[in-house]
Amino acid sequence: MYLIVQNEFRLDKNKLLDNLRAWNSLLRRKVHLIACGGTVMTLLGVKTSTKDVDFMVPDIREYNYLIKQLPAMGYTQTNGPGWQRKGELFHFDIFRGNSIHTTGLFLSPLEDGQNKLLVEFSHLYIGILNDYDLIASKLLRGTRVDFEDCVRLATAHKDELDLEKLIAHFYEIVSYDVAEVRLRPNIDHFLERLQKGEQND
């Protein structure tokens, strides 16, 4: 099976899964990919497409195996976690262990209840990071797009998302960040945007 090469700027869910099927065809060992960041929005249908694909590989042995295979698939490392193929404008960020960018999670996404299975191929397991870790990690980055994504996800999952649990989880995670004082208000900004969005519905 040949790898899928896209010359488009963004990936929708189907094209992303086509790329992952191509990865799967070249792998010979099990790898658990846990979608995080804006990628979750695309895989869940909250956003139609993405240009940056974010995955965690919590198992270190699986991570080491995967990054050894990526060059054989035509990928070049562009920065710390970033991988890209020539001719493609989107790129993959592959995070090692339990960290997303600079945010470390308390529990492995592979533990029970910490991710939800999206699809499983013969060698690739594709899971979705739980809402609490996902929203907290995006709020710690705190870009405009991060806030927008968090509001979209919280709105889409409002019947199952416990806001009090989310607030407590955010404060616990941010307490370990060196920029805690600067980042703590991000949860308030998110809640304000969320409330405004509900009022406009």
Protein backbone atom coordinates (compact mmCIF):
# COMPACT_ATOMS: atom_id res chain seq x y z
CA MET A 1 0.00 0.00 0.00
CA TYR A 2 1.36 3.42 -0.94
CA LEU A 3 1.45 6.31 1.49
CA ILE A 4 -1.14 9.00 0.90
CA VAL A 5 0.45 12.28 -0.17
CA GLN A 6 -1.74 15.36 0.14
CA ASN A 7 -0.88 18.71 -1.42
CA GLU A 8 -3.73 20.49 0.33
CA PHE A 9 -3.40 22.92 3.19
CA ARG A 10 -5.71 21.13 5.61
CA LEU A 11 -6.83 17.64 6.50
CA ASP A 12 -10.41 16.64 7.17
CA LYS A 13 -11.26 13.56 9.23
CA ASN A 14 -11.38 11.19 6.27
CA LYS A 15 -8.04 12.33 4.82
CA LEU A 16 -6.42 12.16 8.24
CA LEU A 17 -7.63 8.61 8.74
CA ASP A 18 -6.42 7.71 5.23
CA ASN A 19 -2.93 8.88 6.23
CA LEU A 20 -3.08 6.84 9.42
CA ARG A 21 -4.19 3.74 7.51
CA ALA A 22 -1.10 4.21 5.35
CA TRP A 23 1.04 4.44 8.49
CA ASN A 24 -0.61 1.28 9.79
CA SER A 25 0.27 -0.65 6.63
CA LEU A 26 3.98 -0.02 7.22
CA LEU A 27 4.08 -0.69 10.96
CA ARG A 28 4.88 -4.09 12.41
CA ARG A 29 4.23 -3.34 16.06
CA LYS A 30 1.36 -1.91 18.08
CA VAL A 31 1.35 1.87 18.60
CA HIS A 32 -1.24 3.78 20.61
CA LEU A 33 -1.86 7.29 19.25
CA ILE A 34 -3.95 9.57 21.46
CA ALA A 35 -5.34 12.60 19.65
CA CYS A 36 -4.95 15.90 21.47
CA GLY A 37 -5.04 19.61 20.65
CA GLY A 38 -7.14 20.78 17.73
CA THR A 39 -6.94 17.35 16.10
CA VAL A 40 -9.62 16.14 18.50
CA MET A 41 -12.00 18.80 17.17
CA THR A 42 -11.61 17.45 13.65
CA LEU A 43 -11.88 13.79 14.59
CA LEU A 44 -15.04 14.48 16.62
CA GLY A 45 -16.58 16.62 13.89
CA VAL A 46 -16.51 19.81 15.96
CA LYS A 47 -14.28 21.40 13.28
CA THR A 48 -14.21 20.38 9.64
CA SER A 49 -10.44 20.27 9.18
CA THR A 50 -7.03 20.92 10.69
CA LYS A 51 -3.58 21.92 9.42
CA ASP A 52 -1.63 20.78 12.49
CA VAL A 53 -2.11 17.19 13.62
CA ASP A 54 -1.39 16.51 17.30
CA PHE A 55 -0.94 13.04 18.79
CA MET A 56 0.49 11.75 22.03
CA VAL A 57 2.31 8.42 22.21
CA PRO A 58 2.20 7.71 25.96
CA ASP A 59 4.17 4.45 25.83
CA ILE A 60 7.85 5.41 25.47
CA ARG A 61 8.82 2.19 23.69
CA GLU A 62 6.03 2.70 21.18
CA TYR A 63 7.09 6.32 20.71
CA ASN A 64 10.71 5.33 20.03
CA TYR A 65 9.57 2.71 17.53
CA LEU A 66 7.23 5.12 15.69
CA ILE A 67 9.74 7.94 15.25
CA LYS A 68 12.23 5.45 13.82
CA GLN A 69 9.65 4.52 11.17
CA LEU A 70 8.62 8.07 10.19
CA PRO A 71 11.72 8.81 8.04
CA ALA A 72 11.03 5.61 6.07
CA MET A 73 7.53 7.00 5.41
CA GLY A 74 9.04 10.15 3.94
CA TYR A 75 8.83 12.40 7.00
CA THR A 76 11.50 14.81 8.15
CA GLN A 77 11.67 16.19 11.67
CA THR A 78 10.93 19.93 11.52
CA ASN A 79 11.23 20.84 15.21
CA GLY A 80 11.06 19.03 18.55
CA PRO A 81 7.81 17.07 18.09
CA GLY A 82 7.11 18.09 14.47
CA TRP A 83 7.24 15.82 11.39
CA GLN A 84 6.37 16.72 7.81
CA ARG A 85 6.61 15.27 4.31
CA LYS A 86 7.86 17.23 1.34
CA GLY A 87 5.01 18.82 -0.61
CA GLU A 88 2.61 18.82 2.33
CA LEU A 89 1.65 22.04 4.11
CA PHE A 90 0.22 20.32 7.19
CA HIS A 91 2.44 18.60 9.74
CA PHE A 92 2.25 16.09 12.58
CA ASP A 93 3.29 16.87 16.15
CA ILE A 94 4.06 13.61 17.97
CA PHE A 95 4.38 14.11 21.73
CA ARG A 96 6.35 11.67 23.87
CA GLY A 97 4.88 10.22 27.04
CA ASN A 98 2.25 12.08 29.05
CA SER A 99 3.12 15.60 27.91
CA ILE A 100 1.42 17.91 25.41
CA HIS A 101 3.82 20.72 24.47
CA THR A 102 4.99 21.80 27.94
CA THR A 103 1.97 20.49 29.88
CA GLY A 104 2.40 17.23 31.75
CA LEU A 105 -0.71 15.17 32.53
CA PHE A 106 -1.13 13.50 35.91
CA LEU A 107 -2.40 10.20 34.51
CA SER A 108 -1.37 8.31 31.42
CA PRO A 109 -3.92 8.66 28.61
CA LEU A 110 -3.73 4.87 28.34
CA GLU A 111 -5.29 4.33 31.77
CA ASP A 112 -8.96 3.40 31.99
CA GLY A 113 -11.24 6.36 31.30
CA GLN A 114 -8.46 8.67 30.13
CA ASN A 115 -9.14 8.22 26.42
CA LYS A 116 -11.95 7.04 24.17
CA LEU A 117 -11.33 4.70 21.26
CA LEU A 118 -12.01 6.29 17.86
CA VAL A 119 -10.77 3.50 15.58
CA GLU A 120 -8.33 0.61 15.81
CA PHE A 121 -6.37 -0.79 12.88
CA SER A 122 -4.14 -3.87 12.94
CA HIS A 123 -1.22 -1.94 14.45
CA LEU A 124 -2.53 1.55 15.22
CA TYR A 125 -4.90 2.36 18.06
CA ILE A 126 -6.40 5.84 17.61
CA GLY A 127 -7.86 7.26 20.82
CA ILE A 128 -9.32 10.63 21.83
CA LEU A 129 -7.94 12.36 24.93
CA ASN A 130 -10.53 12.96 27.64
CA ASP A 131 -12.21 16.38 27.70
CA TYR A 132 -10.72 17.49 31.03
CA ASP A 133 -7.09 16.98 30.07
CA LEU A 134 -7.73 18.29 26.57
CA ILE A 135 -9.39 21.54 27.64
CA ALA A 136 -6.95 22.15 30.51
CA SER A 137 -3.92 21.66 28.25
CA LYS A 138 -5.34 23.98 25.59
CA LEU A 139 -6.17 26.65 28.15
CA LEU A 140 -2.59 26.52 29.38
CA ARG A 141 -1.44 27.39 25.85
CA GLY A 142 -4.10 30.10 25.78
CA THR A 143 -4.06 31.24 22.15
CA ARG A 144 -7.19 32.66 20.55
CA VAL A 145 -7.72 29.41 18.64
CA ASP A 146 -7.28 27.40 21.87
CA PHE A 147 -10.03 29.37 23.59
CA GLU A 148 -12.30 28.99 20.56
CA ASP A 149 -11.68 25.24 20.41
CA CYS A 150 -12.36 24.82 24.13
CA VAL A 151 -15.66 26.67 23.88
CA ARG A 152 -16.68 24.60 20.86
CA LEU A 153 -15.85 21.33 22.57
CA ALA A 154 -17.50 22.30 25.86
CA THR A 155 -20.62 23.37 23.99
CA ALA A 156 -20.74 20.15 21.99
CA HIS A 157 -20.28 18.06 25.17
CA LYS A 158 -22.26 20.26 27.59
CA ASP A 159 -24.53 17.40 28.68
CA GLU A 160 -21.59 15.28 29.84
CA LEU A 161 -18.99 17.87 30.89
CA ASP A 162 -18.80 18.65 34.61
CA LEU A 163 -17.62 22.27 34.77
CA GLU A 164 -16.78 22.12 38.47
CA LYS A 165 -14.58 19.08 37.83
CA LEU A 166 -12.97 20.89 34.89
CA ILE A 167 -12.21 23.99 36.97
CA ALA A 168 -10.65 21.92 39.76
CA HIS A 169 -8.64 19.91 37.24
CA PHE A 170 -7.33 23.06 35.55
CA TYR A 171 -6.24 24.61 38.85
CA GLU A 172 -4.46 21.40 39.84
CA ILE A 173 -2.53 21.21 36.57
CA VAL A 174 -1.68 24.91 36.43
CA SER A 175 -0.32 24.76 40.00
CA TYR A 176 2.67 22.84 38.61
CA ASP A 177 3.38 25.37 35.85
CA VAL A 178 6.14 27.94 36.30
CA ALA A 179 3.76 30.55 34.82
CA GLU A 180 0.92 29.70 37.22
CA VAL A 181 0.10 33.31 38.18
CA ARG A 182 -0.14 34.41 34.56
CA LEU A 183 -2.13 31.37 33.43
CA ARG A 184 -4.67 31.00 36.26
CA PRO A 185 -7.07 33.62 34.80
CA ASN A 186 -7.37 31.61 31.58
CA ILE A 187 -10.09 29.44 33.10
CA ASP A 188 -12.12 32.56 33.89
CA HIS A 189 -11.72 33.86 30.34
CA PHE A 190 -12.88 30.48 29.04
CA LEU A 191 -15.96 30.42 31.29
CA GLU A 192 -16.88 33.95 30.24
CA ARG A 193 -16.63 33.01 26.55
CA LEU A 194 -18.60 29.85 27.17
CA GLN A 195 -21.38 31.78 28.91
CA LYS A 196 -21.52 34.34 26.11
CA GLY A 197 -21.73 31.55 23.56
CA GLU A 198 -24.65 29.95 25.41
CA GLN A 199 -26.43 33.29 25.60
CA ASN A 200 -26.08 33.75 21.84
CA ASP A 201 -27.58 30.33 21.06
